[in-house]
Amino acid sequence: MRAFALGSAFVAGVVTACGGGERASVSTVAEARIVANRAPLSNTASTAERLGVRAPAPARRADDDSGLAWDLPRGWSVLPPGPMRVASFRVAGDARAECWLSLLGGDGGGLKANLDRWRTQMGLAPISVAELDALPRHTLLGGEGVLVDCTGKYTGMGAAGAATDARMLGLARVEPGGSAFLKLIGPSSVVAAERDAFLALARSLRVAHEPATDSNGAALAITSAQLAWKAPEGWVRAPDRATRVLTLLHGGDEDVECYVTTLPGAAGGVLANVNRWRGQLGAAAWSEEELARA
C-alpha cells in the first residue's frame, strides 16, 4: 500500500476460489508553477518520499492540481502539456526552441537505450559505455541525472522538417521504479544562451506537497489517467469498474485478478482497510501491534 499525493491507493490481488560539463550559473526565477504528476517514480513509496523532496511547494494557481512544481526561468513561458509530456515550455519566447519533461513508470528500456535514441534524433552514432560513464551529472527532480549535450541535424519526433544547426541538452534520470527526462532542443545559439536556465529549471523541479482538494477541502482520489504501469507477461487489462482505476487479469482469467482502488484522503486508515480485507477472507481482525509486525 502506498499513499500518493492525491489520495489513498490500494492494490489487491484476488483468487476468486479463495554530454557537456556542468558549470556554476545564476538564473532569475520568473514564476513558480505546479502541474499534475502523471507518472509516479516509485512503486513502493510516495513520490516525495522516493525522491527525498522536502522543500515547501510554491503558491498554487486555482486551476493547478497537486503534483510537480518548478521555478520558471525569466523569459520562458509554459505551454500546454502534450502526449508523453508532463510539462512543456517555450524557451525565452523563441518558437524554434522547446523544452519538455517526460515521466515514465519504469526504466523506459534503460539509460543507454534512451541516450542512443536521442543521439539518433541528432544524426549521431550510439554512445559507447565508456562515453556514457564519462557524462556529467546534474540534479533532476531532487536526484542525480545524466547530462547530454550534443549538436547535429535534429529529426526528432514531431519536428517540422530537419533542423541542421540544432543542439540538444538532455537530462535523464533512469531507475527501475520510474524515470524522468528533461530535454531542451533548438538552434545552437538559442540553446547555448539558455543552458544555465535549463539547468536551473532542472534543479528547481520538485514534488508539490499540497494535495488536490475539492470545494470543501477534501482530498481527491487519483484517476487511471494519472497512473503508469507495466503489466507482467500474460496479464491483460480488464475494463475499469466502480472504485477501481485499474484491473488486471492473469491470462484473461476472471478468477484471478489484481486491481488498484483509489479513495479520497486516508480512507479510514491502514488498519481499517487491512481488517476489511481479512474479513473478506474470514480471518480475524488484527490489532495495531499485529499490523506493525506484518
C-alpha atoms as a PDB file:
ATOM      1  CA  MET A   1       0.000   0.000   0.000  1.00  0.00           C
ATOM      2  CA  ARG A   2       1.207   3.496  -0.774  1.00  0.00           C
ATOM      3  CA  ALA A   3      -0.270   6.899  -0.175  1.00  0.00           C
ATOM      4  CA  PHE A   4       0.088   9.058  -3.291  1.00  0.00           C
ATOM      5  CA  ALA A   5      -0.091  12.826  -3.359  1.00  0.00           C
ATOM      6  CA  LEU A   6      -3.734  12.936  -4.402  1.00  0.00           C
ATOM      7  CA  GLY A   7      -5.252  10.440  -2.013  1.00  0.00           C
ATOM      8  CA  SER A   8      -5.023   6.811  -0.926  1.00  0.00           C
ATOM      9  CA  ALA A   9      -4.353   3.925  -3.303  1.00  0.00           C
ATOM     10  CA  PHE A  10      -4.976   0.265  -2.577  1.00  0.00           C
ATOM     11  CA  VAL A  11      -3.790  -2.709  -4.613  1.00  0.00           C
ATOM     12  CA  ALA A  12      -5.306  -6.139  -4.132  1.00  0.00           C
ATOM     13  CA  GLY A  13      -4.591  -9.497  -5.716  1.00  0.00           C
ATOM     14  CA  VAL A  14      -7.581 -11.832  -5.519  1.00  0.00           C
ATOM     15  CA  VAL A  15      -8.118 -15.524  -6.333  1.00  0.00           C
ATOM     16  CA  THR A  16     -11.878 -15.953  -6.506  1.00  0.00           C
ATOM     17  CA  ALA A  17     -11.655 -19.534  -5.308  1.00  0.00           C
ATOM     18  CA  CYS A  18     -10.080 -18.071  -2.305  1.00  0.00           C
ATOM     19  CA  GLY A  19      27.463  15.458 -22.879  1.00  0.00           C
ATOM     20  CA  GLY A  20      28.676  18.805 -21.565  1.00  0.00           C
ATOM     21  CA  GLY A  21      30.161  19.692 -18.189  1.00  0.00           C
ATOM     22  CA  GLU A  22      28.108  21.401 -15.537  1.00  0.00           C
ATOM     23  CA  ARG A  23      29.090  24.909 -14.541  1.00  0.00           C
ATOM     24  CA  ALA A  24      28.041  27.387 -11.897  1.00  0.00           C
ATOM     25  CA  SER A  25      25.157  29.554 -13.021  1.00  0.00           C
ATOM     26  CA  VAL A  26      22.758  32.267 -11.941  1.00  0.00           C
ATOM     27  CA  SER A  27      19.205  32.215 -13.270  1.00  0.00           C
ATOM     28  CA  THR A  28      16.379  34.584 -12.445  1.00  0.00           C
ATOM     29  CA  VAL A  29      13.124  32.924 -11.422  1.00  0.00           C
ATOM     30  CA  ALA A  30      10.145  34.462 -13.195  1.00  0.00           C
ATOM     31  CA  GLU A  31       7.320  32.265 -11.963  1.00  0.00           C
ATOM     32  CA  ALA A  32       6.633  29.174  -9.866  1.00  0.00           C
ATOM     33  CA  ARG A  33       4.144  26.589 -11.121  1.00  0.00           C
ATOM     34  CA  ILE A  34       2.572  23.281 -10.111  1.00  0.00           C
ATOM     35  CA  VAL A  35       1.370  20.636 -12.562  1.00  0.00           C
ATOM     36  CA  ALA A  36      -0.257  17.261 -12.052  1.00  0.00           C
ATOM     37  CA  ASN A  37       2.226  14.399 -11.827  1.00  0.00           C
ATOM     38  CA  ARG A  38       1.058  11.773 -14.342  1.00  0.00           C
ATOM     39  CA  ALA A  39       3.594   9.010 -13.694  1.00  0.00           C
ATOM     40  CA  PRO A  40       4.978   8.101 -10.274  1.00  0.00           C
ATOM     41  CA  LEU A  41       8.719   7.494  -9.942  1.00  0.00           C
ATOM     42  CA  SER A  42       8.314   4.757  -7.374  1.00  0.00           C
ATOM     43  CA  ASN A  43       6.242   1.657  -6.912  1.00  0.00           C
ATOM     44  CA  THR A  44       6.868   1.329  -3.175  1.00  0.00           C
ATOM     45  CA  ALA A  45       6.722   4.824  -1.676  1.00  0.00           C
ATOM     46  CA  SER A  46       5.175   8.194  -2.338  1.00  0.00           C
ATOM     47  CA  THR A  47       6.964  10.261  -4.947  1.00  0.00           C
ATOM     48  CA  ALA A  48       8.047  12.774  -2.334  1.00  0.00           C
ATOM     49  CA  GLU A  49       9.413  10.034  -0.076  1.00  0.00           C
ATOM     50  CA  ARG A  50      11.059   8.313  -3.028  1.00  0.00           C
ATOM     51  CA  LEU A  51      12.918  11.429  -4.150  1.00  0.00           C
ATOM     52  CA  GLY A  52      13.650  12.827  -0.695  1.00  0.00           C
ATOM     53  CA  VAL A  53      11.981  16.130  -1.534  1.00  0.00           C
ATOM     54  CA  ARG A  54      11.471  18.351   1.468  1.00  0.00           C
ATOM     55  CA  ALA A  55      11.165  21.886   0.066  1.00  0.00           C
ATOM     56  CA  PRO A  56       7.727  23.508   0.503  1.00  0.00           C
ATOM     57  CA  ALA A  57       5.588  23.924  -2.578  1.00  0.00           C
ATOM     58  CA  PRO A  58       5.106  27.388  -4.083  1.00  0.00           C
ATOM     59  CA  ALA A  59       1.806  29.222  -4.148  1.00  0.00           C
ATOM     60  CA  ARG A  60      -0.796  27.355  -6.172  1.00  0.00           C
ATOM     61  CA  ARG A  61      -2.955  28.613  -9.004  1.00  0.00           C
ATOM     62  CA  ALA A  62      -6.647  27.885  -8.720  1.00  0.00           C
ATOM     63  CA  ASP A  63      -6.560  25.580 -11.766  1.00  0.00           C
ATOM     64  CA  ASP A  64      -3.493  23.598 -10.679  1.00  0.00           C
ATOM     65  CA  ASP A  65      -3.511  20.062  -9.270  1.00  0.00           C
ATOM     66  CA  SER A  66      -1.025  18.733  -6.759  1.00  0.00           C
ATOM     67  CA  GLY A  67       1.970  17.097  -8.427  1.00  0.00           C
ATOM     68  CA  LEU A  68       5.142  18.784  -9.656  1.00  0.00           C
ATOM     69  CA  ALA A  69       6.326  22.320  -9.095  1.00  0.00           C
ATOM     70  CA  TRP A  70       9.122  24.343 -10.683  1.00  0.00           C
ATOM     71  CA  ASP A  71      10.651  27.814 -10.884  1.00  0.00           C
ATOM     72  CA  LEU A  72      10.141  29.189 -14.389  1.00  0.00           C
ATOM     73  CA  PRO A  73      13.235  30.947 -15.794  1.00  0.00           C
ATOM     74  CA  ARG A  74      12.861  34.583 -16.824  1.00  0.00           C
ATOM     75  CA  GLY A  75      11.597  34.929 -20.373  1.00  0.00           C
ATOM     76  CA  TRP A  76      10.267  31.367 -20.531  1.00  0.00           C
ATOM     77  CA  SER A  77       6.567  30.548 -20.760  1.00  0.00           C
ATOM     78  CA  VAL A  78       4.509  27.455 -20.012  1.00  0.00           C
ATOM     79  CA  LEU A  79       2.864  25.585 -22.887  1.00  0.00           C
ATOM     80  CA  PRO A  80       0.031  23.058 -22.623  1.00  0.00           C
ATOM     81  CA  PRO A  81       1.251  19.523 -21.857  1.00  0.00           C
ATOM     82  CA  GLY A  82       1.124  17.023 -24.695  1.00  0.00           C
ATOM     83  CA  PRO A  83       1.381  13.274 -25.268  1.00  0.00           C
ATOM     84  CA  MET A  84       4.208  11.885 -23.115  1.00  0.00           C
ATOM     85  CA  ARG A  85       4.901  15.419 -21.838  1.00  0.00           C
ATOM     86  CA  VAL A  86       4.058  16.277 -18.250  1.00  0.00           C
ATOM     87  CA  ALA A  87       5.212  19.870 -18.777  1.00  0.00           C
ATOM     88  CA  SER A  88       6.221  21.886 -21.850  1.00  0.00           C
ATOM     89  CA  PHE A  89       7.928  25.261 -22.090  1.00  0.00           C
ATOM     90  CA  ARG A  90       8.529  27.980 -24.691  1.00  0.00           C
ATOM     91  CA  VAL A  91      12.165  28.941 -24.308  1.00  0.00           C
ATOM     92  CA  ALA A  92      12.878  32.663 -23.960  1.00  0.00           C
ATOM     93  CA  GLY A  93       9.994  33.438 -26.291  1.00  0.00           C
ATOM     94  CA  ASP A  94      11.743  31.714 -29.217  1.00  0.00           C
ATOM     95  CA  ALA A  95       9.333  29.424 -31.095  1.00  0.00           C
ATOM     96  CA  ARG A  96      12.239  27.481 -32.619  1.00  0.00           C
ATOM     97  CA  ALA A  97      13.273  26.063 -29.246  1.00  0.00           C
ATOM     98  CA  GLU A  98      11.275  23.858 -26.901  1.00  0.00           C
ATOM     99  CA  CYS A  99      11.800  22.201 -23.552  1.00  0.00           C
ATOM    100  CA  TRP A 100       9.716  19.463 -22.002  1.00  0.00           C
ATOM    101  CA  LEU A 101       9.571  16.983 -19.133  1.00  0.00           C
ATOM    102  CA  SER A 102       8.509  13.353 -19.544  1.00  0.00           C
ATOM    103  CA  LEU A 103       7.909  10.784 -16.804  1.00  0.00           C
ATOM    104  CA  LEU A 104       7.743   7.017 -17.217  1.00  0.00           C
ATOM    105  CA  GLY A 105       6.621   4.385 -14.735  1.00  0.00           C
ATOM    106  CA  GLY A 106       9.658   2.150 -15.437  1.00  0.00           C
ATOM    107  CA  ASP A 107      13.178   2.476 -16.824  1.00  0.00           C
ATOM    108  CA  GLY A 108      12.000   3.058 -20.399  1.00  0.00           C
ATOM    109  CA  GLY A 109      14.384   0.434 -21.753  1.00  0.00           C
ATOM    110  CA  GLY A 110      17.398   1.631 -19.777  1.00  0.00           C
ATOM    111  CA  LEU A 111      19.663   4.666 -19.749  1.00  0.00           C
ATOM    112  CA  LYS A 112      21.805   3.777 -22.767  1.00  0.00           C
ATOM    113  CA  ALA A 113      18.802   2.959 -24.951  1.00  0.00           C
ATOM    114  CA  ASN A 114      17.282   6.365 -24.234  1.00  0.00           C
ATOM    115  CA  LEU A 115      20.514   8.251 -24.837  1.00  0.00           C
ATOM    116  CA  ASP A 116      21.067   6.349 -28.088  1.00  0.00           C
ATOM    117  CA  ARG A 117      17.556   7.309 -29.188  1.00  0.00           C
ATOM    118  CA  TRP A 118      18.335  10.966 -28.510  1.00  0.00           C
ATOM    119  CA  ARG A 119      21.602  10.724 -30.418  1.00  0.00           C
ATOM    120  CA  THR A 120      19.826   9.105 -33.371  1.00  0.00           C
ATOM    121  CA  GLN A 121      17.454  12.077 -33.429  1.00  0.00           C
ATOM    122  CA  MET A 122      20.550  14.282 -33.803  1.00  0.00           C
ATOM    123  CA  GLY A 123      22.090  12.118 -36.540  1.00  0.00           C
ATOM    124  CA  LEU A 124      24.798  10.778 -34.220  1.00  0.00           C
ATOM    125  CA  ALA A 125      26.124   7.268 -33.606  1.00  0.00           C
ATOM    126  CA  PRO A 126      25.185   5.366 -30.422  1.00  0.00           C
ATOM    127  CA  ILE A 127      27.155   6.253 -27.323  1.00  0.00           C
ATOM    128  CA  SER A 128      29.765   3.830 -26.022  1.00  0.00           C
ATOM    129  CA  VAL A 129      29.720   2.543 -22.460  1.00  0.00           C
ATOM    130  CA  ALA A 130      32.918   4.462 -21.714  1.00  0.00           C
ATOM    131  CA  GLU A 131      31.442   7.690 -23.092  1.00  0.00           C
ATOM    132  CA  LEU A 132      28.272   7.168 -21.087  1.00  0.00           C
ATOM    133  CA  ASP A 133      30.216   6.645 -17.866  1.00  0.00           C
ATOM    134  CA  ALA A 134      32.114   9.886 -18.508  1.00  0.00           C
ATOM    135  CA  LEU A 135      28.996  12.045 -18.910  1.00  0.00           C
ATOM    136  CA  PRO A 136      28.483  14.704 -16.226  1.00  0.00           C
ATOM    137  CA  ARG A 137      25.691  14.510 -13.665  1.00  0.00           C
ATOM    138  CA  HIS A 138      23.195  17.173 -12.679  1.00  0.00           C
ATOM    139  CA  THR A 139      20.220  17.452 -10.357  1.00  0.00           C
ATOM    140  CA  LEU A 140      16.821  16.456 -11.767  1.00  0.00           C
ATOM    141  CA  LEU A 141      13.750  16.125  -9.537  1.00  0.00           C
ATOM    142  CA  GLY A 142      15.930  16.077  -6.453  1.00  0.00           C
ATOM    143  CA  GLY A 143      18.142  13.219  -7.667  1.00  0.00           C
ATOM    144  CA  GLU A 144      21.070  12.649  -9.975  1.00  0.00           C
ATOM    145  CA  GLY A 145      20.505  12.721 -13.725  1.00  0.00           C
ATOM    146  CA  VAL A 146      22.909  12.176 -16.614  1.00  0.00           C
ATOM    147  CA  LEU A 147      23.514  15.294 -18.721  1.00  0.00           C
ATOM    148  CA  VAL A 148      23.746  15.041 -22.510  1.00  0.00           C
ATOM    149  CA  ASP A 149      24.886  17.959 -24.693  1.00  0.00           C
ATOM    150  CA  CYS A 150      25.124  17.345 -28.432  1.00  0.00           C
ATOM    151  CA  THR A 151      24.794  19.143 -31.759  1.00  0.00           C
ATOM    152  CA  GLY A 152      23.742  17.897 -35.157  1.00  0.00           C
ATOM    153  CA  LYS A 153      20.817  17.642 -37.557  1.00  0.00           C
ATOM    154  CA  TYR A 154      17.682  17.182 -35.493  1.00  0.00           C
ATOM    155  CA  THR A 155      14.991  14.969 -36.999  1.00  0.00           C
ATOM    156  CA  GLY A 156      13.208  14.042 -33.814  1.00  0.00           C
ATOM    157  CA  MET A 157       9.610  13.096 -33.186  1.00  0.00           C
ATOM    158  CA  GLY A 158       7.217  15.879 -34.109  1.00  0.00           C
ATOM    159  CA  ALA A 159       9.848  18.057 -35.796  1.00  0.00           C
ATOM    160  CA  ALA A 160       8.555  20.055 -38.747  1.00  0.00           C
ATOM    161  CA  GLY A 161      11.426  19.166 -41.050  1.00  0.00           C
ATOM    162  CA  ALA A 162      15.046  18.698 -40.129  1.00  0.00           C
ATOM    163  CA  ALA A 163      16.940  21.414 -38.243  1.00  0.00           C
ATOM    164  CA  THR A 164      20.536  21.371 -39.493  1.00  0.00           C
ATOM    165  CA  ASP A 165      22.140  23.570 -36.824  1.00  0.00           C
ATOM    166  CA  ALA A 166      20.473  22.075 -33.763  1.00  0.00           C
ATOM    167  CA  ARG A 167      21.648  21.494 -30.228  1.00  0.00           C
ATOM    168  CA  MET A 168      20.135  19.236 -27.609  1.00  0.00           C
ATOM    169  CA  LEU A 169      20.501  19.415 -23.856  1.00  0.00           C
ATOM    170  CA  GLY A 170      19.017  16.404 -22.126  1.00  0.00           C
ATOM    171  CA  LEU A 171      18.847  15.168 -18.557  1.00  0.00           C
ATOM    172  CA  ALA A 172      17.908  11.540 -17.928  1.00  0.00           C
ATOM    173  CA  ARG A 173      17.199  10.086 -14.508  1.00  0.00           C
ATOM    174  CA  VAL A 174      16.530   6.406 -15.180  1.00  0.00           C
ATOM    175  CA  GLU A 175      15.599   3.996 -12.391  1.00  0.00           C
ATOM    176  CA  PRO A 176      13.682   0.686 -12.302  1.00  0.00           C
ATOM    177  CA  GLY A 177      10.799   2.243 -10.383  1.00  0.00           C
ATOM    178  CA  GLY A 178      10.393   5.215 -12.716  1.00  0.00           C
ATOM    179  CA  SER A 179      12.283   7.656 -14.909  1.00  0.00           C
ATOM    180  CA  ALA A 180      12.349  11.371 -15.660  1.00  0.00           C
ATOM    181  CA  PHE A 181      13.598  13.053 -18.837  1.00  0.00           C
ATOM    182  CA  LEU A 182      14.059  16.793 -19.365  1.00  0.00           C
ATOM    183  CA  LYS A 183      15.067  17.961 -22.860  1.00  0.00           C
ATOM    184  CA  LEU A 184      15.848  21.302 -24.485  1.00  0.00           C
ATOM    185  CA  ILE A 185      16.097  21.351 -28.292  1.00  0.00           C
ATOM    186  CA  GLY A 186      16.553  24.273 -30.660  1.00  0.00           C
ATOM    187  CA  PRO A 187      19.045  26.279 -32.707  1.00  0.00           C
ATOM    188  CA  SER A 188      22.558  26.017 -31.292  1.00  0.00           C
ATOM    189  CA  SER A 189      22.751  29.719 -30.469  1.00  0.00           C
ATOM    190  CA  VAL A 190      19.460  29.702 -28.552  1.00  0.00           C
ATOM    191  CA  VAL A 191      20.265  26.545 -26.580  1.00  0.00           C
ATOM    192  CA  ALA A 192      23.725  27.889 -25.706  1.00  0.00           C
ATOM    193  CA  ALA A 193      22.186  31.099 -24.373  1.00  0.00           C
ATOM    194  CA  GLU A 194      19.588  29.202 -22.318  1.00  0.00           C
ATOM    195  CA  ARG A 195      21.837  26.451 -20.954  1.00  0.00           C
ATOM    196  CA  ASP A 196      22.066  27.938 -17.467  1.00  0.00           C
ATOM    197  CA  ALA A 197      18.298  28.496 -17.381  1.00  0.00           C
ATOM    198  CA  PHE A 198      17.725  24.858 -18.384  1.00  0.00           C
ATOM    199  CA  LEU A 199      19.943  23.563 -15.591  1.00  0.00           C
ATOM    200  CA  ALA A 200      18.292  25.905 -13.088  1.00  0.00           C
ATOM    201  CA  LEU A 201      14.874  24.619 -14.145  1.00  0.00           C
ATOM    202  CA  ALA A 202      16.064  21.035 -13.664  1.00  0.00           C
ATOM    203  CA  ARG A 203      17.320  21.867 -10.157  1.00  0.00           C
ATOM    204  CA  SER A 204      14.033  23.516  -9.246  1.00  0.00           C
ATOM    205  CA  LEU A 205      11.753  20.649 -10.315  1.00  0.00           C
ATOM    206  CA  ARG A 206      10.210  19.147  -7.207  1.00  0.00           C
ATOM    207  CA  VAL A 207       7.150  17.404  -5.870  1.00  0.00           C
ATOM    208  CA  ALA A 208       4.439  19.716  -4.601  1.00  0.00           C
ATOM    209  CA  HIS A 209       3.208  18.749  -1.142  1.00  0.00           C
ATOM    210  CA  GLU A 210      -0.272  20.198  -1.184  1.00  0.00           C
ATOM    211  CA  PRO A 211      -2.874  17.554  -2.134  1.00  0.00           C
ATOM    212  CA  ALA A 212      -5.582  18.401  -4.632  1.00  0.00           C
ATOM    213  CA  THR A 213      -8.860  19.212  -2.888  1.00  0.00           C
ATOM    214  CA  ASP A 214     -12.477  19.723  -3.822  1.00  0.00           C
ATOM    215  CA  SER A 215     -14.524  22.809  -2.984  1.00  0.00           C
ATOM    216  CA  ASN A 216     -14.968  21.532   0.583  1.00  0.00           C
ATOM    217  CA  GLY A 217     -11.244  20.997   1.105  1.00  0.00           C
ATOM    218  CA  ALA A 218     -11.418  17.190   0.931  1.00  0.00           C
ATOM    219  CA  ALA A 219      -8.532  15.393  -0.770  1.00  0.00           C
ATOM    220  CA  LEU A 220      -9.335  13.983  -4.200  1.00  0.00           C
ATOM    221  CA  ALA A 221      -8.556  10.435  -5.330  1.00  0.00           C
ATOM    222  CA  ILE A 222      -6.272   9.815  -8.300  1.00  0.00           C
ATOM    223  CA  THR A 223      -7.608   8.576 -11.645  1.00  0.00           C
ATOM    224  CA  SER A 224      -6.376   5.980 -14.134  1.00  0.00           C
ATOM    225  CA  ALA A 225      -5.013   8.779 -16.334  1.00  0.00           C
ATOM    226  CA  GLN A 226      -2.522   9.611 -13.578  1.00  0.00           C
ATOM    227  CA  LEU A 227      -1.165   6.059 -13.286  1.00  0.00           C
ATOM    228  CA  ALA A 228       1.606   4.377 -15.239  1.00  0.00           C
ATOM    229  CA  TRP A 229       2.328   0.666 -15.111  1.00  0.00           C
ATOM    230  CA  LYS A 230       3.830  -2.269 -16.959  1.00  0.00           C
ATOM    231  CA  ALA A 231       1.703  -5.389 -16.829  1.00  0.00           C
ATOM    232  CA  PRO A 232       3.527  -8.689 -16.170  1.00  0.00           C
ATOM    233  CA  GLU A 233       3.747 -11.046 -19.110  1.00  0.00           C
ATOM    234  CA  GLY A 234       0.455 -12.840 -19.631  1.00  0.00           C
ATOM    235  CA  TRP A 235      -1.610 -10.318 -17.684  1.00  0.00           C
ATOM    236  CA  VAL A 236      -4.274  -8.318 -19.527  1.00  0.00           C
ATOM    237  CA  ARG A 237      -6.199  -5.222 -18.562  1.00  0.00           C
ATOM    238  CA  ALA A 238      -9.915  -5.503 -17.870  1.00  0.00           C
ATOM    239  CA  PRO A 239     -12.413  -2.638 -18.153  1.00  0.00           C
ATOM    240  CA  ASP A 240     -12.407  -0.211 -15.228  1.00  0.00           C
ATOM    241  CA  ARG A 241     -15.095  -0.763 -12.612  1.00  0.00           C
ATOM    242  CA  ALA A 242     -16.665   1.346  -9.904  1.00  0.00           C
ATOM    243  CA  THR A 243     -13.970   2.429  -7.381  1.00  0.00           C
ATOM    244  CA  ARG A 244     -11.261   0.691  -9.472  1.00  0.00           C
ATOM    245  CA  VAL A 245      -8.834   2.659 -11.625  1.00  0.00           C
ATOM    246  CA  LEU A 246      -7.003  -0.430 -12.892  1.00  0.00           C
ATOM    247  CA  THR A 247      -7.901  -4.120 -13.091  1.00  0.00           C
ATOM    248  CA  LEU A 248      -5.553  -6.799 -14.474  1.00  0.00           C
ATOM    249  CA  LEU A 249      -6.490 -10.417 -15.174  1.00  0.00           C
ATOM    250  CA  HIS A 250      -3.976 -13.251 -15.169  1.00  0.00           C
ATOM    251  CA  GLY A 251      -4.082 -14.754 -18.645  1.00  0.00           C
ATOM    252  CA  GLY A 252      -7.501 -13.210 -19.131  1.00  0.00           C
ATOM    253  CA  ASP A 253      -8.906 -15.490 -16.406  1.00  0.00           C
ATOM    254  CA  GLU A 254     -11.529 -13.567 -14.446  1.00  0.00           C
ATOM    255  CA  ASP A 255     -10.975 -15.852 -11.444  1.00  0.00           C
ATOM    256  CA  VAL A 256      -7.514 -14.336 -10.832  1.00  0.00           C
ATOM    257  CA  GLU A 257      -7.365 -10.566 -10.734  1.00  0.00           C
ATOM    258  CA  CYS A 258      -5.231  -7.722  -9.415  1.00  0.00           C
ATOM    259  CA  TYR A 259      -6.723  -4.278  -9.050  1.00  0.00           C
ATOM    260  CA  VAL A 260      -5.994  -0.755  -7.842  1.00  0.00           C
ATOM    261  CA  THR A 261      -8.589   1.216  -5.919  1.00  0.00           C
ATOM    262  CA  THR A 262      -8.225   4.882  -5.009  1.00  0.00           C
ATOM    263  CA  LEU A 263     -10.164   6.707  -2.327  1.00  0.00           C
ATOM    264  CA  PRO A 264     -10.033  10.316  -1.109  1.00  0.00           C
ATOM    265  CA  GLY A 265      -7.863  11.078   1.902  1.00  0.00           C
ATOM    266  CA  ALA A 266      -6.815   8.337   4.324  1.00  0.00           C
ATOM    267  CA  ALA A 267      -9.946   6.238   3.618  1.00  0.00           C
ATOM    268  CA  GLY A 268     -10.210   5.133   7.256  1.00  0.00           C
ATOM    269  CA  GLY A 269      -6.523   4.321   7.686  1.00  0.00           C
ATOM    270  CA  VAL A 270      -4.306   1.315   7.023  1.00  0.00           C
ATOM    271  CA  LEU A 271      -5.587  -0.884   9.865  1.00  0.00           C
ATOM    272  CA  ALA A 272      -9.249  -0.469   8.924  1.00  0.00           C
ATOM    273  CA  ASN A 273      -8.581  -1.415   5.314  1.00  0.00           C
ATOM    274  CA  VAL A 274      -6.374  -4.399   6.181  1.00  0.00           C
ATOM    275  CA  ASN A 275      -9.037  -5.706   8.545  1.00  0.00           C
ATOM    276  CA  ARG A 276     -11.666  -5.264   5.843  1.00  0.00           C
ATOM    277  CA  TRP A 277      -9.555  -7.472   3.548  1.00  0.00           C
ATOM    278  CA  ARG A 278      -9.059 -10.032   6.326  1.00  0.00           C
ATOM    279  CA  GLY A 279     -12.796 -10.099   6.942  1.00  0.00           C
ATOM    280  CA  GLN A 280     -13.388 -10.867   3.257  1.00  0.00           C
ATOM    281  CA  LEU A 281     -11.229 -13.982   3.727  1.00  0.00           C
ATOM    282  CA  GLY A 282     -12.877 -14.999   7.005  1.00  0.00           C
ATOM    283  CA  ALA A 283      -9.798 -14.092   9.080  1.00  0.00           C
ATOM    284  CA  ALA A 284      -9.868 -12.370  12.474  1.00  0.00           C
ATOM    285  CA  ALA A 285      -9.163  -8.665  12.693  1.00  0.00           C
ATOM    286  CA  TRP A 286      -5.629  -7.543  13.528  1.00  0.00           C
ATOM    287  CA  SER A 287      -4.598  -5.264  16.348  1.00  0.00           C
ATOM    288  CA  GLU A 288      -2.244  -2.318  15.837  1.00  0.00           C
ATOM    289  CA  GLU A 289       0.578  -4.468  17.247  1.00  0.00           C
ATOM    290  CA  GLU A 290      -0.113  -7.298  14.792  1.00  0.00           C
ATOM    291  CA  LEU A 291      -0.202  -4.848  11.901  1.00  0.00           C
ATOM    292  CA  ALA A 292       3.132  -3.357  12.974  1.00  0.00           C
ATOM    293  CA  ARG A 293       4.721  -6.823  12.896  1.00  0.00           C
ATOM    294  CA  ALA A 294       3.376  -7.635   9.422  1.00  0.00           C
END
